[in-house]
């Protein structure tokens, strides 16, 4: 784990981060984040880092403040001088898991110890395998199946090659008492059923190695996505108000849709379904004089005079 932290810090510095030497570690009190905090603190001096422990209290369970307090005590025992408990309110659409995730990332981003800081997250190889399975089951496309990136500033995930069992053993070896979140055993959550039912069954049927294989698949897809995104970026220079259809008509659909997605995001379209993207792509690749595609926030993507435009929908 210490080696994994060192590698991520090296990669972050090559990408222009951590010049300030300020590194955050998000801690829940569980084995993954405590083991990560211990590894980061062990590397702090030799890497010239100041480690900040950022404990998120979602307030979802009675006694969550005590869990946060215990985590803070253990971080102080590891030698961290900067430990902060961050409270947040969990609400909004998408169910409790999604709302908690949004709230957690929002409060952690606000607590960045420096503008160029990276916050380490304790996602493991097991989390990566579950993420890939969720993407496969939901038909979310290659970006979702590609899983989580090790370095996605301001976030860093150095433990994607480490198992959950390894983090638990690391905590035990260092005398760290980790918290087991009851939600991680609640079968009403899809991810919990994947963890305790689906993945063990796949491991049995396929005779082991499934989590490793899913993590490798994610890594391979990230490489492919990066290559296709780079090609698409060459076709989308600057932030054009309109797109010339002729310039994209002969482009493979996989690249063309990446250009369209980036263009729409530049125009403020942040919520886009796969069906909408394909309908917009059809304005170029399958043009029959069809009408525009209605999007969120009262916008419509339409083709006019050989150009793709984004306008306000007419009442």
C-alpha atoms as a PDB file:
ATOM      1  CA  UNK A   1       0.000   0.000   0.000  1.00  0.00           C
ATOM      2  CA  UNK A   2       2.852   2.342   0.753  1.00  0.00           C
ATOM      3  CA  UNK A   3       4.260   1.684  -2.711  1.00  0.00           C
ATOM      4  CA  UNK A   4       0.828   2.341  -4.246  1.00  0.00           C
ATOM      5  CA  UNK A   5       0.618   5.702  -2.466  1.00  0.00           C
ATOM      6  CA  UNK A   6       4.115   6.642  -3.617  1.00  0.00           C
ATOM      7  CA  UNK A   7       3.279   5.793  -7.233  1.00  0.00           C
ATOM      8  CA  UNK A   8       0.115   7.865  -7.190  1.00  0.00           C
ATOM      9  CA  UNK A   9       1.874  10.844  -5.621  1.00  0.00           C
ATOM     10  CA  UNK A  10       4.570  10.612  -8.308  1.00  0.00           C
ATOM     11  CA  UNK A  11       1.923  10.521 -11.053  1.00  0.00           C
ATOM     12  CA  UNK A  12       0.062  13.471  -9.508  1.00  0.00           C
ATOM     13  CA  UNK A  13       3.237  15.571  -9.406  1.00  0.00           C
ATOM     14  CA  UNK A  14       4.007  14.759 -13.028  1.00  0.00           C
ATOM     15  CA  UNK A  15       0.511  16.015 -13.850  1.00  0.00           C
ATOM     16  CA  UNK A  16       1.239  19.319 -12.074  1.00  0.00           C
ATOM     17  CA  UNK A  17      -0.355  18.673  -8.697  1.00  0.00           C
ATOM     18  CA  UNK A  18       0.947  18.568  -5.112  1.00  0.00           C
ATOM     19  CA  UNK A  19       3.563  21.305  -5.563  1.00  0.00           C
ATOM     20  CA  UNK A  20       2.239  22.646  -2.259  1.00  0.00           C
ATOM     21  CA  UNK A  21       2.931  19.300  -0.593  1.00  0.00           C
ATOM     22  CA  UNK A  22      -0.594  19.222   0.850  1.00  0.00           C
ATOM     23  CA  UNK A  23      -2.273  15.794   0.603  1.00  0.00           C
ATOM     24  CA  UNK A  24      -5.731  14.893   1.868  1.00  0.00           C
ATOM     25  CA  UNK A  25      -7.026  11.452   2.829  1.00  0.00           C
ATOM     26  CA  UNK A  26     -10.775  10.875   3.043  1.00  0.00           C
ATOM     27  CA  UNK A  27     -11.548   8.679   6.049  1.00  0.00           C
ATOM     28  CA  UNK A  28     -14.772   6.955   7.012  1.00  0.00           C
ATOM     29  CA  UNK A  29     -13.358   4.902   9.878  1.00  0.00           C
ATOM     30  CA  UNK A  30     -13.496   1.712   7.829  1.00  0.00           C
ATOM     31  CA  UNK A  31     -10.528  -0.554   7.141  1.00  0.00           C
ATOM     32  CA  UNK A  32      -9.859   0.731   3.604  1.00  0.00           C
ATOM     33  CA  UNK A  33      -9.549   4.403   4.496  1.00  0.00           C
ATOM     34  CA  UNK A  34      -7.691   3.818   7.781  1.00  0.00           C
ATOM     35  CA  UNK A  35      -5.118   1.577   6.082  1.00  0.00           C
ATOM     36  CA  UNK A  36      -4.736   4.209   3.355  1.00  0.00           C
ATOM     37  CA  UNK A  37      -4.232   6.998   5.886  1.00  0.00           C
ATOM     38  CA  UNK A  38      -1.569   4.943   7.658  1.00  0.00           C
ATOM     39  CA  UNK A  39       0.251   4.280   4.388  1.00  0.00           C
ATOM     40  CA  UNK A  40       0.094   7.961   3.377  1.00  0.00           C
ATOM     41  CA  UNK A  41       1.390   9.136   6.741  1.00  0.00           C
ATOM     42  CA  UNK A  42       4.245   6.613   6.582  1.00  0.00           C
ATOM     43  CA  UNK A  43       5.305   8.066   3.207  1.00  0.00           C
ATOM     44  CA  UNK A  44       4.730  11.704   4.153  1.00  0.00           C
ATOM     45  CA  UNK A  45       8.226  12.643   5.281  1.00  0.00           C
ATOM     46  CA  UNK A  46      10.151  10.996   2.447  1.00  0.00           C
ATOM     47  CA  UNK A  47       7.746  12.445  -0.125  1.00  0.00           C
ATOM     48  CA  UNK A  48       7.691  15.908   1.424  1.00  0.00           C
ATOM     49  CA  UNK A  49       3.981  15.833   2.172  1.00  0.00           C
ATOM     50  CA  UNK A  50       1.692  17.136   4.884  1.00  0.00           C
ATOM     51  CA  UNK A  51      -1.190  14.699   5.263  1.00  0.00           C
ATOM     52  CA  UNK A  52      -4.653  16.001   6.185  1.00  0.00           C
ATOM     53  CA  UNK A  53      -7.201  13.538   7.543  1.00  0.00           C
ATOM     54  CA  UNK A  54     -10.668  14.461   6.243  1.00  0.00           C
ATOM     55  CA  UNK A  55     -13.344  12.508   8.097  1.00  0.00           C
ATOM     56  CA  UNK A  56     -16.825  12.675   6.577  1.00  0.00           C
ATOM     57  CA  UNK A  57     -19.790  12.260   8.924  1.00  0.00           C
ATOM     58  CA  UNK A  58     -22.900  11.736   6.785  1.00  0.00           C
ATOM     59  CA  UNK A  59     -25.153  11.672   9.842  1.00  0.00           C
ATOM     60  CA  UNK A  60     -27.080   8.717   8.428  1.00  0.00           C
ATOM     61  CA  UNK A  61     -26.936   6.534  11.534  1.00  0.00           C
ATOM     62  CA  UNK A  62     -27.249   7.095  15.277  1.00  0.00           C
ATOM     63  CA  UNK A  63     -23.803   7.489  16.777  1.00  0.00           C
ATOM     64  CA  UNK A  64     -22.136   8.539  13.545  1.00  0.00           C
ATOM     65  CA  UNK A  65     -20.482  11.391  15.438  1.00  0.00           C
ATOM     66  CA  UNK A  66     -18.857   8.848  17.762  1.00  0.00           C
ATOM     67  CA  UNK A  67     -17.568   6.878  14.767  1.00  0.00           C
ATOM     68  CA  UNK A  68     -16.056  10.081  13.378  1.00  0.00           C
ATOM     69  CA  UNK A  69     -14.529  10.932  16.751  1.00  0.00           C
ATOM     70  CA  UNK A  70     -12.949   7.477  17.024  1.00  0.00           C
ATOM     71  CA  UNK A  71     -11.535   7.778  13.499  1.00  0.00           C
ATOM     72  CA  UNK A  72     -10.062  11.182  14.409  1.00  0.00           C
ATOM     73  CA  UNK A  73      -8.395   9.706  17.492  1.00  0.00           C
ATOM     74  CA  UNK A  74      -6.812   6.938  15.449  1.00  0.00           C
ATOM     75  CA  UNK A  75      -5.543   9.367  12.821  1.00  0.00           C
ATOM     76  CA  UNK A  76      -3.973  11.469  15.555  1.00  0.00           C
ATOM     77  CA  UNK A  77      -2.378   8.300  16.894  1.00  0.00           C
ATOM     78  CA  UNK A  78      -0.856   7.694  13.467  1.00  0.00           C
ATOM     79  CA  UNK A  79       0.815  11.087  13.679  1.00  0.00           C
ATOM     80  CA  UNK A  80      -1.505  13.209  11.556  1.00  0.00           C
ATOM     81  CA  UNK A  81      -1.496  16.754  12.886  1.00  0.00           C
ATOM     82  CA  UNK A  82      -4.283  18.000  10.651  1.00  0.00           C
ATOM     83  CA  UNK A  83      -7.525  16.094  11.240  1.00  0.00           C
ATOM     84  CA  UNK A  84     -10.938  17.551  10.425  1.00  0.00           C
ATOM     85  CA  UNK A  85     -14.426  16.104  10.822  1.00  0.00           C
ATOM     86  CA  UNK A  86     -16.682  17.242   7.988  1.00  0.00           C
ATOM     87  CA  UNK A  87     -20.441  17.028   8.445  1.00  0.00           C
ATOM     88  CA  UNK A  88     -22.796  16.943   5.503  1.00  0.00           C
ATOM     89  CA  UNK A  89     -26.487  16.588   4.710  1.00  0.00           C
ATOM     90  CA  UNK A  90     -27.556  13.696   2.513  1.00  0.00           C
ATOM     91  CA  UNK A  91     -30.536  14.456   0.285  1.00  0.00           C
ATOM     92  CA  UNK A  92     -31.540  14.791  -3.344  1.00  0.00           C
ATOM     93  CA  UNK A  93     -32.508  12.405  -6.147  1.00  0.00           C
ATOM     94  CA  UNK A  94     -31.158   8.970  -6.994  1.00  0.00           C
ATOM     95  CA  UNK A  95     -31.522   7.133  -3.691  1.00  0.00           C
ATOM     96  CA  UNK A  96     -29.454   7.278  -0.524  1.00  0.00           C
ATOM     97  CA  UNK A  97     -26.258   5.805  -2.013  1.00  0.00           C
ATOM     98  CA  UNK A  98     -26.117   8.343  -4.828  1.00  0.00           C
ATOM     99  CA  UNK A  99     -27.081  11.233  -2.550  1.00  0.00           C
ATOM    100  CA  UNK A 100     -24.428  10.275   0.015  1.00  0.00           C
ATOM    101  CA  UNK A 101     -21.799  10.042  -2.700  1.00  0.00           C
ATOM    102  CA  UNK A 102     -22.679  13.500  -4.050  1.00  0.00           C
ATOM    103  CA  UNK A 103     -22.640  15.012  -0.570  1.00  0.00           C
ATOM    104  CA  UNK A 104     -19.310  13.354   0.261  1.00  0.00           C
ATOM    105  CA  UNK A 105     -17.527  14.560  -2.843  1.00  0.00           C
ATOM    106  CA  UNK A 106     -18.939  18.053  -2.440  1.00  0.00           C
ATOM    107  CA  UNK A 107     -17.790  18.477   1.163  1.00  0.00           C
ATOM    108  CA  UNK A 108     -14.372  16.951   0.423  1.00  0.00           C
ATOM    109  CA  UNK A 109     -13.837  19.291  -2.517  1.00  0.00           C
ATOM    110  CA  UNK A 110     -14.632  22.289  -0.317  1.00  0.00           C
ATOM    111  CA  UNK A 111     -12.111  21.010   2.256  1.00  0.00           C
ATOM    112  CA  UNK A 112      -9.162  20.721  -0.154  1.00  0.00           C
ATOM    113  CA  UNK A 113      -6.114  21.774   1.886  1.00  0.00           C
ATOM    114  CA  UNK A 114      -4.614  23.575  -1.153  1.00  0.00           C
ATOM    115  CA  UNK A 115      -5.721  24.380  -4.717  1.00  0.00           C
ATOM    116  CA  UNK A 116      -3.310  21.773  -6.122  1.00  0.00           C
ATOM    117  CA  UNK A 117      -4.010  19.164  -3.446  1.00  0.00           C
ATOM    118  CA  UNK A 118      -5.104  15.606  -4.118  1.00  0.00           C
ATOM    119  CA  UNK A 119      -7.528  13.798  -1.825  1.00  0.00           C
ATOM    120  CA  UNK A 120      -6.884  10.065  -1.561  1.00  0.00           C
ATOM    121  CA  UNK A 121      -9.932   7.798  -1.514  1.00  0.00           C
ATOM    122  CA  UNK A 122      -9.888   4.251  -0.154  1.00  0.00           C
ATOM    123  CA  UNK A 123     -11.511   2.464  -3.093  1.00  0.00           C
ATOM    124  CA  UNK A 124     -10.096  -1.045  -3.489  1.00  0.00           C
ATOM    125  CA  UNK A 125      -9.963  -3.647  -6.233  1.00  0.00           C
ATOM    126  CA  UNK A 126     -13.215  -5.077  -4.827  1.00  0.00           C
ATOM    127  CA  UNK A 127     -14.924  -1.683  -5.246  1.00  0.00           C
ATOM    128  CA  UNK A 128     -13.621  -1.502  -8.803  1.00  0.00           C
ATOM    129  CA  UNK A 129     -15.027  -4.953  -9.629  1.00  0.00           C
ATOM    130  CA  UNK A 130     -18.425  -3.960  -8.225  1.00  0.00           C
ATOM    131  CA  UNK A 131     -18.392  -0.724 -10.227  1.00  0.00           C
ATOM    132  CA  UNK A 132     -17.655  -2.597 -13.471  1.00  0.00           C
ATOM    133  CA  UNK A 133     -20.439  -5.096 -12.787  1.00  0.00           C
ATOM    134  CA  UNK A 134     -22.900  -2.271 -12.097  1.00  0.00           C
ATOM    135  CA  UNK A 135     -21.952  -0.623 -15.385  1.00  0.00           C
ATOM    136  CA  UNK A 136     -22.371  -3.884 -17.282  1.00  0.00           C
ATOM    137  CA  UNK A 137     -25.739  -4.597 -15.731  1.00  0.00           C
ATOM    138  CA  UNK A 138     -27.077  -1.126 -16.432  1.00  0.00           C
ATOM    139  CA  UNK A 139     -25.750  -0.923 -19.978  1.00  0.00           C
ATOM    140  CA  UNK A 140     -24.008   2.316 -19.092  1.00  0.00           C
ATOM    141  CA  UNK A 141     -21.419   2.118 -21.861  1.00  0.00           C
ATOM    142  CA  UNK A 142     -17.613   1.932 -21.941  1.00  0.00           C
ATOM    143  CA  UNK A 143     -17.009   4.916 -19.663  1.00  0.00           C
ATOM    144  CA  UNK A 144     -18.892   3.245 -16.844  1.00  0.00           C
ATOM    145  CA  UNK A 145     -17.383  -0.189 -17.453  1.00  0.00           C
ATOM    146  CA  UNK A 146     -13.944   1.442 -17.420  1.00  0.00           C
ATOM    147  CA  UNK A 147     -14.518   1.943 -13.704  1.00  0.00           C
ATOM    148  CA  UNK A 148     -12.709   4.411 -11.479  1.00  0.00           C
ATOM    149  CA  UNK A 149      -9.464   6.106 -12.456  1.00  0.00           C
ATOM    150  CA  UNK A 150      -6.468   5.885 -10.117  1.00  0.00           C
ATOM    151  CA  UNK A 151      -5.824   9.596 -10.655  1.00  0.00           C
ATOM    152  CA  UNK A 152      -8.794  11.830 -11.408  1.00  0.00           C
ATOM    153  CA  UNK A 153      -7.871  15.214  -9.856  1.00  0.00           C
ATOM    154  CA  UNK A 154      -8.596  16.229  -7.224  1.00  0.00           C
ATOM    155  CA  UNK A 155      -9.193  12.564  -6.395  1.00  0.00           C
ATOM    156  CA  UNK A 156      -6.617   9.822  -6.096  1.00  0.00           C
ATOM    157  CA  UNK A 157      -7.328   6.110  -5.661  1.00  0.00           C
ATOM    158  CA  UNK A 158      -4.049   4.318  -4.982  1.00  0.00           C
ATOM    159  CA  UNK A 159      -5.651   1.119  -3.643  1.00  0.00           C
ATOM    160  CA  UNK A 160      -7.432  -0.059  -6.803  1.00  0.00           C
ATOM    161  CA  UNK A 161      -4.976  -2.941  -6.966  1.00  0.00           C
ATOM    162  CA  UNK A 162      -5.413  -3.839  -3.283  1.00  0.00           C
ATOM    163  CA  UNK A 163      -8.130  -6.125  -1.907  1.00  0.00           C
ATOM    164  CA  UNK A 164     -10.479  -5.322   0.933  1.00  0.00           C
ATOM    165  CA  UNK A 165      -9.055  -8.268   2.886  1.00  0.00           C
ATOM    166  CA  UNK A 166      -5.571  -6.768   2.603  1.00  0.00           C
ATOM    167  CA  UNK A 167      -6.680  -3.457   4.102  1.00  0.00           C
ATOM    168  CA  UNK A 168      -8.306  -5.295   7.008  1.00  0.00           C
ATOM    169  CA  UNK A 169      -5.117  -7.266   7.660  1.00  0.00           C
ATOM    170  CA  UNK A 170      -3.074  -4.052   7.483  1.00  0.00           C
ATOM    171  CA  UNK A 171      -5.277  -2.417  10.112  1.00  0.00           C
ATOM    172  CA  UNK A 172      -5.050  -5.446  12.387  1.00  0.00           C
ATOM    173  CA  UNK A 173      -1.258  -5.537  12.036  1.00  0.00           C
ATOM    174  CA  UNK A 174      -1.022  -1.867  13.058  1.00  0.00           C
ATOM    175  CA  UNK A 175      -3.499  -2.097  15.907  1.00  0.00           C
ATOM    176  CA  UNK A 176      -6.107   0.040  14.153  1.00  0.00           C
ATOM    177  CA  UNK A 177      -9.698  -0.697  15.162  1.00  0.00           C
ATOM    178  CA  UNK A 178     -11.744  -0.172  12.025  1.00  0.00           C
ATOM    179  CA  UNK A 179     -15.487   0.412  11.865  1.00  0.00           C
ATOM    180  CA  UNK A 180     -17.792  -1.895   9.892  1.00  0.00           C
ATOM    181  CA  UNK A 181     -20.604   0.146   8.365  1.00  0.00           C
ATOM    182  CA  UNK A 182     -23.938  -1.697   8.843  1.00  0.00           C
ATOM    183  CA  UNK A 183     -25.039  -0.392   5.442  1.00  0.00           C
ATOM    184  CA  UNK A 184     -22.356  -2.604   3.875  1.00  0.00           C
ATOM    185  CA  UNK A 185     -24.355  -5.650   4.997  1.00  0.00           C
ATOM    186  CA  UNK A 186     -27.801  -4.337   4.046  1.00  0.00           C
ATOM    187  CA  UNK A 187     -29.152  -6.328   1.044  1.00  0.00           C
ATOM    188  CA  UNK A 188     -31.518  -3.491   0.131  1.00  0.00           C
ATOM    189  CA  UNK A 189     -28.502  -1.826  -1.523  1.00  0.00           C
ATOM    190  CA  UNK A 190     -27.628  -3.172  -4.974  1.00  0.00           C
ATOM    191  CA  UNK A 191     -23.887  -2.911  -4.401  1.00  0.00           C
ATOM    192  CA  UNK A 192     -24.172  -5.001  -1.223  1.00  0.00           C
ATOM    193  CA  UNK A 193     -25.908  -7.811  -3.094  1.00  0.00           C
ATOM    194  CA  UNK A 194     -23.239  -7.682  -5.790  1.00  0.00           C
ATOM    195  CA  UNK A 195     -20.578  -7.944  -3.090  1.00  0.00           C
ATOM    196  CA  UNK A 196     -22.118 -10.782  -1.077  1.00  0.00           C
ATOM    197  CA  UNK A 197     -24.113 -12.714  -3.682  1.00  0.00           C
ATOM    198  CA  UNK A 198     -23.142 -12.036  -7.291  1.00  0.00           C
ATOM    199  CA  UNK A 199     -19.352 -11.796  -7.076  1.00  0.00           C
ATOM    200  CA  UNK A 200     -18.964 -14.901  -4.856  1.00  0.00           C
ATOM    201  CA  UNK A 201     -21.178 -16.850  -7.285  1.00  0.00           C
ATOM    202  CA  UNK A 202     -19.114 -15.694 -10.275  1.00  0.00           C
ATOM    203  CA  UNK A 203     -15.907 -16.591  -8.450  1.00  0.00           C
ATOM    204  CA  UNK A 204     -17.316 -20.069  -7.835  1.00  0.00           C
ATOM    205  CA  UNK A 205     -18.665 -20.649 -11.355  1.00  0.00           C
ATOM    206  CA  UNK A 206     -15.563 -19.273 -13.104  1.00  0.00           C
ATOM    207  CA  UNK A 207     -13.171 -20.853 -10.598  1.00  0.00           C
ATOM    208  CA  UNK A 208     -11.755 -17.650  -9.187  1.00  0.00           C
ATOM    209  CA  UNK A 209      -9.992 -14.569 -10.505  1.00  0.00           C
ATOM    210  CA  UNK A 210     -13.171 -12.679 -11.396  1.00  0.00           C
ATOM    211  CA  UNK A 211     -12.409  -9.494  -9.444  1.00  0.00           C
ATOM    212  CA  UNK A 212      -8.921  -9.355 -10.957  1.00  0.00           C
ATOM    213  CA  UNK A 213     -10.330  -9.915 -14.449  1.00  0.00           C
ATOM    214  CA  UNK A 214     -12.930  -7.161 -14.029  1.00  0.00           C
ATOM    215  CA  UNK A 215     -10.251  -4.749 -12.813  1.00  0.00           C
ATOM    216  CA  UNK A 216      -8.056  -5.614 -15.826  1.00  0.00           C
ATOM    217  CA  UNK A 217     -11.019  -5.083 -18.148  1.00  0.00           C
ATOM    218  CA  UNK A 218     -11.580  -1.655 -16.627  1.00  0.00           C
ATOM    219  CA  UNK A 219      -7.924  -0.699 -17.111  1.00  0.00           C
ATOM    220  CA  UNK A 220      -7.976  -1.827 -20.757  1.00  0.00           C
ATOM    221  CA  UNK A 221     -11.144   0.125 -21.445  1.00  0.00           C
ATOM    222  CA  UNK A 222      -9.691   3.268 -19.862  1.00  0.00           C
ATOM    223  CA  UNK A 223      -6.753   3.048 -22.275  1.00  0.00           C
ATOM    224  CA  UNK A 224      -9.105   2.622 -25.246  1.00  0.00           C
ATOM    225  CA  UNK A 225     -11.324   5.485 -24.060  1.00  0.00           C
ATOM    226  CA  UNK A 226      -8.316   7.770 -23.635  1.00  0.00           C
ATOM    227  CA  UNK A 227      -7.155   7.022 -27.188  1.00  0.00           C
ATOM    228  CA  UNK A 228     -10.586   7.672 -28.697  1.00  0.00           C
ATOM    229  CA  UNK A 229     -11.046  10.831 -26.609  1.00  0.00           C
ATOM    230  CA  UNK A 230      -7.701  12.146 -27.864  1.00  0.00           C
ATOM    231  CA  UNK A 231      -8.783  11.623 -31.484  1.00  0.00           C
ATOM    232  CA  UNK A 232     -12.123  13.298 -30.784  1.00  0.00           C
ATOM    233  CA  UNK A 233     -10.400  16.279 -29.155  1.00  0.00           C
ATOM    234  CA  UNK A 234      -8.469  16.920 -32.377  1.00  0.00           C
ATOM    235  CA  UNK A 235     -11.799  17.294 -34.189  1.00  0.00           C
ATOM    236  CA  UNK A 236     -13.208  19.711 -31.616  1.00  0.00           C
ATOM    237  CA  UNK A 237     -10.918  22.711 -31.459  1.00  0.00           C
ATOM    238  CA  UNK A 238     -11.867  25.475 -29.051  1.00  0.00           C
ATOM    239  CA  UNK A 239     -15.512  25.904 -28.072  1.00  0.00           C
ATOM    240  CA  UNK A 240     -17.442  26.319 -31.328  1.00  0.00           C
ATOM    241  CA  UNK A 241     -21.017  27.563 -31.187  1.00  0.00           C
ATOM    242  CA  UNK A 242     -21.967  25.273 -34.084  1.00  0.00           C
ATOM    243  CA  UNK A 243     -20.553  22.088 -35.613  1.00  0.00           C
ATOM    244  CA  UNK A 244     -20.030  21.647 -39.348  1.00  0.00           C
ATOM    245  CA  UNK A 245     -21.761  18.422 -40.372  1.00  0.00           C
ATOM    246  CA  UNK A 246     -19.432  17.726 -43.319  1.00  0.00           C
ATOM    247  CA  UNK A 247     -16.389  17.693 -41.019  1.00  0.00           C
ATOM    248  CA  UNK A 248     -17.892  14.840 -38.977  1.00  0.00           C
ATOM    249  CA  UNK A 249     -19.942  12.900 -41.529  1.00  0.00           C
ATOM    250  CA  UNK A 250     -17.138  10.492 -42.461  1.00  0.00           C
ATOM    251  CA  UNK A 251     -15.936   9.993 -38.898  1.00  0.00           C
ATOM    252  CA  UNK A 252     -16.587   6.639 -37.155  1.00  0.00           C
ATOM    253  CA  UNK A 253     -19.641   6.841 -34.917  1.00  0.00           C
ATOM    254  CA  UNK A 254     -17.697   6.064 -31.722  1.00  0.00           C
ATOM    255  CA  UNK A 255     -15.488   9.116 -32.258  1.00  0.00           C
ATOM    256  CA  UNK A 256     -18.284  11.293 -33.596  1.00  0.00           C
ATOM    257  CA  UNK A 257     -20.394  10.726 -30.497  1.00  0.00           C
ATOM    258  CA  UNK A 258     -17.451  11.664 -28.299  1.00  0.00           C
ATOM    259  CA  UNK A 259     -17.135  14.937 -30.220  1.00  0.00           C
ATOM    260  CA  UNK A 260     -20.846  15.566 -29.774  1.00  0.00           C
ATOM    261  CA  UNK A 261     -20.762  14.789 -26.051  1.00  0.00           C
ATOM    262  CA  UNK A 262     -17.853  17.186 -25.485  1.00  0.00           C
ATOM    263  CA  UNK A 263     -19.486  19.897 -27.587  1.00  0.00           C
ATOM    264  CA  UNK A 264     -22.758  19.594 -25.690  1.00  0.00           C
ATOM    265  CA  UNK A 265     -20.974  19.750 -22.332  1.00  0.00           C
ATOM    266  CA  UNK A 266     -19.202  22.913 -23.446  1.00  0.00           C
ATOM    267  CA  UNK A 267     -22.637  24.341 -24.202  1.00  0.00           C
ATOM    268  CA  UNK A 268     -23.895  23.486 -20.696  1.00  0.00           C
ATOM    269  CA  UNK A 269     -25.674  20.170 -21.358  1.00  0.00           C
ATOM    270  CA  UNK A 270     -24.528  18.090 -18.399  1.00  0.00           C
ATOM    271  CA  UNK A 271     -27.339  15.504 -18.270  1.00  0.00           C
ATOM    272  CA  UNK A 272     -27.435  13.473 -21.476  1.00  0.00           C
ATOM    273  CA  UNK A 273     -28.848   9.991 -22.022  1.00  0.00           C
ATOM    274  CA  UNK A 274     -27.416   7.478 -24.463  1.00  0.00           C
ATOM    275  CA  UNK A 275     -30.664   7.624 -26.476  1.00  0.00           C
ATOM    276  CA  UNK A 276     -30.432  11.414 -26.804  1.00  0.00           C
ATOM    277  CA  UNK A 277     -26.792  11.239 -27.875  1.00  0.00           C
ATOM    278  CA  UNK A 278     -27.593   8.648 -30.531  1.00  0.00           C
ATOM    279  CA  UNK A 279     -30.520  10.709 -31.810  1.00  0.00           C
ATOM    280  CA  UNK A 280     -28.255  13.749 -32.114  1.00  0.00           C
ATOM    281  CA  UNK A 281     -25.641  11.616 -33.856  1.00  0.00           C
ATOM    282  CA  UNK A 282     -28.334  10.532 -36.332  1.00  0.00           C
ATOM    283  CA  UNK A 283     -28.660  14.186 -37.398  1.00  0.00           C
ATOM    284  CA  UNK A 284     -25.212  13.656 -38.930  1.00  0.00           C
ATOM    285  CA  UNK A 285     -24.878   9.947 -39.698  1.00  0.00           C
ATOM    286  CA  UNK A 286     -28.509   9.155 -40.638  1.00  0.00           C
ATOM    287  CA  UNK A 287     -29.835  12.482 -41.877  1.00  0.00           C
ATOM    288  CA  UNK A 288     -33.376  12.263 -43.335  1.00  0.00           C
ATOM    289  CA  UNK A 289     -34.554  15.793 -42.647  1.00  0.00           C
ATOM    290  CA  UNK A 290     -35.751  14.838 -39.151  1.00  0.00           C
ATOM    291  CA  UNK A 291     -36.471  17.380 -36.450  1.00  0.00           C
ATOM    292  CA  UNK A 292     -34.287  18.330 -33.539  1.00  0.00           C
ATOM    293  CA  UNK A 293     -33.642  16.437 -30.322  1.00  0.00           C
ATOM    294  CA  UNK A 294     -35.173  17.886 -27.143  1.00  0.00           C
ATOM    295  CA  UNK A 295     -32.766  18.055 -24.186  1.00  0.00           C
ATOM    296  CA  UNK A 296     -32.969  19.146 -20.556  1.00  0.00           C
ATOM    297  CA  UNK A 297     -33.268  22.824 -19.587  1.00  0.00           C
ATOM    298  CA  UNK A 298     -35.473  23.568 -22.600  1.00  0.00           C
ATOM    299  CA  UNK A 299     -32.710  23.095 -25.182  1.00  0.00           C
ATOM    300  CA  UNK A 300     -32.917  21.416 -28.571  1.00  0.00           C
ATOM    301  CA  UNK A 301     -30.103  20.139 -30.790  1.00  0.00           C
ATOM    302  CA  UNK A 302     -30.975  20.515 -34.458  1.00  0.00           C
ATOM    303  CA  UNK A 303     -29.449  20.559 -37.909  1.00  0.00           C
ATOM    304  CA  UNK A 304     -29.794  23.608 -40.142  1.00  0.00           C
ATOM    305  CA  UNK A 305     -27.872  24.691 -43.254  1.00  0.00           C
ATOM    306  CA  UNK A 306     -25.300  21.933 -42.872  1.00  0.00           C
ATOM    307  CA  UNK A 307     -24.489  22.790 -39.267  1.00  0.00           C
ATOM    308  CA  UNK A 308     -25.454  21.377 -35.898  1.00  0.00           C
ATOM    309  CA  UNK A 309     -26.889  23.992 -33.541  1.00  0.00           C
ATOM    310  CA  UNK A 310     -28.077  24.145 -29.948  1.00  0.00           C
ATOM    311  CA  UNK A 311     -31.029  26.455 -29.437  1.00  0.00           C
ATOM    312  CA  UNK A 312     -33.870  27.147 -27.063  1.00  0.00           C
ATOM    313  CA  UNK A 313     -36.905  24.977 -27.786  1.00  0.00           C
ATOM    314  CA  UNK A 314     -39.897  26.917 -29.052  1.00  0.00           C
ATOM    315  CA  UNK A 315     -43.001  26.887 -26.823  1.00  0.00           C
END
